[in-house]
Amino acid sequence: MGNRPLMQPFEIVREAVAGMLGALGVLVLHFGMTLPHWRLPGLDLALAGILGCLVYAGIRLSWATKPGWVERLLGIEVDLRLQGASDTPDSLRAALRHTLDTAERQVTEPMREPLERIDRAIHAVLDSDLGSNVGRQAQYTIAATVRRYLPDTLERYLQLPEDVAQAPIGDAGRTAHDMVLEQLDVLASETEAILEDMHAGKLRELSAHGRFLEDRFNTAGNLLRQ
């Protein structure tokens, strides 16, 4: 989704460290005295390779930041929120990418369009000048969107069984899927409005967007729990 780089720097470091240690494990196990040698180079190398892969997978699972092939292969669920990061632009980009990548295989096709709008608008805000009062207000609201509103909205919906998500609720006949689409559209519209008002220098309007999103998404969870 969007024009994000394929990997963040910390992800490249993570993969490089895990790969190098896995390769080192292969060399030590194959050429060292840690394994009984069967005098069959192919078998020795195969055993060392398997154990090296286990070393790599163990490092990756203990250093997980987004669902990679190891997590998907083992069916491990990854939190939509990227924990333990600050609200700097780079950290918010990484947190947004983590949320979108983690949810990507679970969202429906109609949900992708508002998610892509949210992605584009947030990246455009974070690429702007955030040093002014207007920029700081925009960054504050975007941080709340990335850290709370977006993952909360997706998480509440994705926790529902598919038949429940598509079942009509109440007399109006709306489904949980309809509700999450509406909430994502609200988030997309507000983040786009934040971008426009930020470029126009409208501090009062930016504060109003922040209050609206806080009021809306502090109570929106009830919609998906009915």
Protein backbone atom coordinates (compact mmCIF):
# COMPACT_ATOMS: atom_id res chain seq x y z
CA MET A 1 0.00 0.00 0.00
CA GLY A 2 1.28 3.41 -0.87
CA ASN A 3 4.82 4.36 -1.80
CA ARG A 4 6.63 3.00 1.23
CA PRO A 5 10.18 1.65 1.03
CA LEU A 6 10.37 -2.12 0.99
CA MET A 7 12.20 -2.27 4.30
CA GLN A 8 12.97 0.16 7.10
CA PRO A 9 16.63 0.44 8.21
CA PHE A 10 15.99 -1.42 11.48
CA GLU A 11 14.39 -4.25 9.51
CA ILE A 12 17.44 -4.50 7.25
CA VAL A 13 19.67 -4.68 10.35
CA ARG A 14 17.43 -7.34 11.86
CA GLU A 15 17.52 -9.52 8.74
CA ALA A 16 21.28 -9.02 8.29
CA VAL A 17 22.07 -9.96 11.89
CA ALA A 18 19.80 -13.01 11.82
CA GLY A 19 21.20 -14.13 8.47
CA MET A 20 24.84 -13.70 9.47
CA LEU A 21 24.38 -15.55 12.75
CA GLY A 22 22.51 -18.32 10.96
CA ALA A 23 25.32 -18.61 8.40
CA LEU A 24 27.90 -18.55 11.19
CA GLY A 25 26.01 -21.37 12.86
CA VAL A 26 26.24 -23.42 9.66
CA LEU A 27 30.01 -22.92 9.43
CA VAL A 28 30.64 -23.70 13.11
CA LEU A 29 28.42 -26.77 13.07
CA HIS A 30 29.83 -28.10 9.81
CA PHE A 31 33.53 -27.44 10.27
CA GLY A 32 33.76 -27.49 14.06
CA MET A 33 33.56 -30.34 16.49
CA THR A 34 30.05 -29.57 17.69
CA LEU A 35 28.41 -32.26 15.54
CA PRO A 36 29.35 -35.90 15.04
CA HIS A 37 30.75 -36.18 11.55
CA TRP A 38 29.33 -38.96 9.44
CA ARG A 39 32.15 -38.79 6.92
CA LEU A 40 29.48 -37.84 4.41
CA PRO A 41 30.01 -34.17 3.55
CA GLY A 42 26.55 -33.79 2.06
CA LEU A 43 24.80 -35.14 5.16
CA ASP A 44 26.96 -33.08 7.49
CA LEU A 45 26.26 -29.95 5.51
CA ALA A 46 22.53 -30.67 5.39
CA LEU A 47 22.38 -31.10 9.17
CA ALA A 48 24.38 -27.93 9.69
CA GLY A 49 22.10 -26.08 7.27
CA ILE A 50 18.97 -27.19 9.13
CA LEU A 51 20.38 -26.09 12.47
CA GLY A 52 21.57 -22.80 10.93
CA CYS A 53 18.02 -22.16 9.69
CA LEU A 54 16.72 -22.84 13.20
CA VAL A 55 19.20 -20.28 14.56
CA TYR A 56 17.95 -17.73 12.01
CA ALA A 57 14.28 -18.47 12.75
CA GLY A 58 14.86 -18.23 16.50
CA ILE A 59 16.48 -14.82 16.17
CA ARG A 60 13.71 -13.59 13.89
CA LEU A 61 10.94 -14.75 16.21
CA SER A 62 12.55 -13.09 19.21
CA TRP A 63 13.08 -9.88 17.22
CA ALA A 64 9.76 -9.71 15.41
CA THR A 65 8.55 -6.32 14.19
CA LYS A 66 6.16 -7.35 11.46
CA PRO A 67 4.86 -10.64 10.10
CA GLY A 68 7.55 -12.12 7.89
CA TRP A 69 7.66 -15.54 6.29
CA VAL A 70 8.69 -17.22 9.54
CA GLU A 71 5.68 -15.85 11.43
CA ARG A 72 3.29 -16.72 8.59
CA LEU A 73 4.70 -20.25 8.26
CA LEU A 74 4.16 -20.92 11.96
CA GLY A 75 0.77 -19.15 12.05
CA ILE A 76 1.91 -16.64 14.67
CA GLU A 77 -0.31 -13.58 15.08
CA VAL A 78 1.53 -10.27 15.29
CA ASP A 79 0.12 -7.25 17.13
CA LEU A 80 -1.09 -4.51 14.83
CA ARG A 81 0.75 -1.99 16.98
CA LEU A 82 4.50 -1.52 16.80
CA GLN A 83 5.51 -1.32 20.45
CA GLY A 84 8.17 0.70 22.18
CA ALA A 85 8.73 3.43 19.60
CA SER A 86 8.68 7.22 19.85
CA ASP A 87 6.50 9.61 17.85
CA THR A 88 9.23 10.90 15.55
CA PRO A 89 8.32 10.94 11.84
CA ASP A 90 10.49 7.89 11.12
CA SER A 91 8.96 5.95 14.02
CA LEU A 92 5.44 6.86 12.91
CA ARG A 93 6.20 5.76 9.34
CA ALA A 94 7.50 2.44 10.66
CA ALA A 95 4.47 1.99 12.95
CA LEU A 96 2.04 2.77 10.12
CA ARG A 97 3.79 0.37 7.78
CA HIS A 98 3.75 -2.33 10.45
CA THR A 99 -0.02 -1.93 10.98
CA LEU A 100 -0.82 -1.96 7.26
CA ASP A 101 1.51 -4.86 6.47
CA THR A 102 0.18 -6.92 9.37
CA ALA A 103 -3.45 -6.38 8.35
CA GLU A 104 -2.88 -6.57 4.60
CA ARG A 105 -3.80 -10.24 4.14
CA GLN A 106 -6.88 -9.98 6.32
CA VAL A 107 -8.66 -6.86 5.07
CA THR A 108 -11.33 -7.03 2.38
CA GLU A 109 -10.91 -5.40 -1.01
CA PRO A 110 -13.29 -2.49 -0.22
CA MET A 111 -11.17 -1.68 2.86
CA ARG A 112 -8.02 -1.20 0.79
CA GLU A 113 -9.08 2.07 -0.83
CA PRO A 114 -9.53 4.08 2.41
CA LEU A 115 -6.40 2.45 3.87
CA GLU A 116 -4.38 3.61 0.86
CA ARG A 117 -5.81 7.13 1.27
CA ILE A 118 -4.82 7.11 4.95
CA ASP A 119 -1.35 5.86 4.04
CA ARG A 120 -0.77 8.57 1.42
CA ALA A 121 -2.07 11.41 3.59
CA ILE A 122 -0.08 10.42 6.67
CA HIS A 123 3.14 10.06 4.70
CA ALA A 124 2.54 13.46 3.09
CA VAL A 125 2.05 15.06 6.52
CA LEU A 126 5.17 13.41 7.94
CA ASP A 127 7.18 14.54 4.91
CA SER A 128 6.15 18.16 5.57
CA ASP A 129 7.70 20.74 7.91
CA LEU A 130 6.70 19.71 11.44
CA GLY A 131 8.70 22.35 13.29
CA SER A 132 5.98 25.02 13.48
CA ASN A 133 2.97 25.11 15.81
CA VAL A 134 0.82 23.94 12.91
CA GLY A 135 3.24 21.10 12.16
CA ARG A 136 3.41 19.98 15.77
CA GLN A 137 -0.38 19.94 16.07
CA ALA A 138 -0.65 17.91 12.88
CA GLN A 139 2.02 15.49 14.09
CA TYR A 140 0.22 15.04 17.42
CA THR A 141 -3.04 14.10 15.71
CA ILE A 142 -1.29 11.86 13.18
CA ALA A 143 0.53 10.08 16.01
CA ALA A 144 -2.79 9.36 17.74
CA THR A 145 -4.18 8.07 14.44
CA VAL A 146 -1.20 5.76 13.84
CA ARG A 147 -0.85 4.55 17.42
CA ARG A 148 -4.51 4.24 18.44
CA TYR A 149 -7.35 5.06 16.07
CA LEU A 150 -6.26 3.02 13.04
CA PRO A 151 -5.02 -0.15 14.80
CA ASP A 152 -7.97 -0.09 17.22
CA THR A 153 -10.43 0.14 14.34
CA LEU A 154 -8.80 -2.69 12.39
CA GLU A 155 -8.27 -4.88 15.43
CA ARG A 156 -11.89 -4.74 16.58
CA TYR A 157 -13.07 -5.72 13.13
CA LEU A 158 -10.47 -8.42 12.44
CA GLN A 159 -11.25 -10.14 15.74
CA LEU A 160 -14.77 -10.90 14.49
CA PRO A 161 -15.49 -14.23 12.73
CA GLU A 162 -16.25 -13.64 9.05
CA ASP A 163 -19.89 -14.70 9.34
CA VAL A 164 -20.40 -12.28 12.24
CA ALA A 165 -18.66 -9.43 10.38
CA GLN A 166 -21.03 -9.85 7.42
CA ALA A 167 -24.22 -10.43 9.44
CA PRO A 168 -26.78 -7.56 9.65
CA ILE A 169 -26.95 -5.80 13.02
CA GLY A 170 -30.24 -4.40 14.26
CA ASP A 171 -33.18 -3.15 12.22
CA ALA A 172 -31.04 -1.02 9.90
CA GLY A 173 -29.39 -4.12 8.47
CA ARG A 174 -25.89 -2.67 8.59
CA THR A 175 -23.02 -5.07 9.11
CA ALA A 176 -19.78 -4.74 11.08
CA HIS A 177 -18.06 -4.60 7.69
CA ASP A 178 -20.21 -1.59 6.73
CA MET A 179 -19.29 0.08 10.02
CA VAL A 180 -15.56 -0.45 9.67
CA LEU A 181 -15.67 0.90 6.11
CA GLU A 182 -17.40 4.02 7.43
CA GLN A 183 -14.82 4.43 10.18
CA LEU A 184 -11.92 3.99 7.76
CA ASP A 185 -13.50 6.52 5.41
CA VAL A 186 -13.75 8.99 8.31
CA LEU A 187 -10.07 8.44 9.14
CA ALA A 188 -9.10 8.87 5.49
CA SER A 189 -11.12 12.09 5.11
CA GLU A 190 -9.77 13.55 8.35
CA THR A 191 -6.13 12.76 7.57
CA GLU A 192 -6.55 14.33 4.12
CA ALA A 193 -8.14 17.39 5.74
CA ILE A 194 -5.25 17.59 8.22
CA LEU A 195 -2.83 17.67 5.30
CA GLU A 196 -4.77 20.45 3.56
CA ASP A 197 -5.17 22.57 6.70
CA MET A 198 -1.53 22.04 7.63
CA HIS A 199 -0.38 23.41 4.29
CA ALA A 200 -2.82 26.30 4.69
CA GLY A 201 -1.51 27.04 8.20
CA LYS A 202 -4.94 26.64 9.86
CA LEU A 203 -4.05 25.82 13.47
CA ARG A 204 -7.61 26.13 14.79
CA GLU A 205 -8.95 23.69 12.19
CA LEU A 206 -6.17 21.22 12.99
CA SER A 207 -7.11 21.29 16.66
CA ALA A 208 -10.73 20.66 15.69
CA HIS A 209 -9.72 17.61 13.65
CA GLY A 210 -7.87 16.24 16.66
CA ARG A 211 -10.85 16.73 18.97
CA PHE A 212 -13.24 15.19 16.44
CA LEU A 213 -11.12 12.07 15.98
CA GLU A 214 -10.65 11.66 19.72
CA ASP A 215 -14.39 11.94 20.37
CA ARG A 216 -15.26 9.67 17.47
CA PHE A 217 -12.77 6.88 18.04
CA ASN A 218 -12.84 6.82 21.83
CA THR A 219 -16.44 5.61 21.52
CA ALA A 220 -16.38 3.88 18.12
CA GLY A 221 -15.42 0.55 19.64
CA ASN A 222 -18.96 0.10 20.89
CA LEU A 223 -20.20 -0.10 17.31
CA LEU A 224 -18.31 -3.32 16.64
CA ARG A 225 -19.14 -4.91 19.98
CA GLN A 226 -22.90 -4.90 19.51
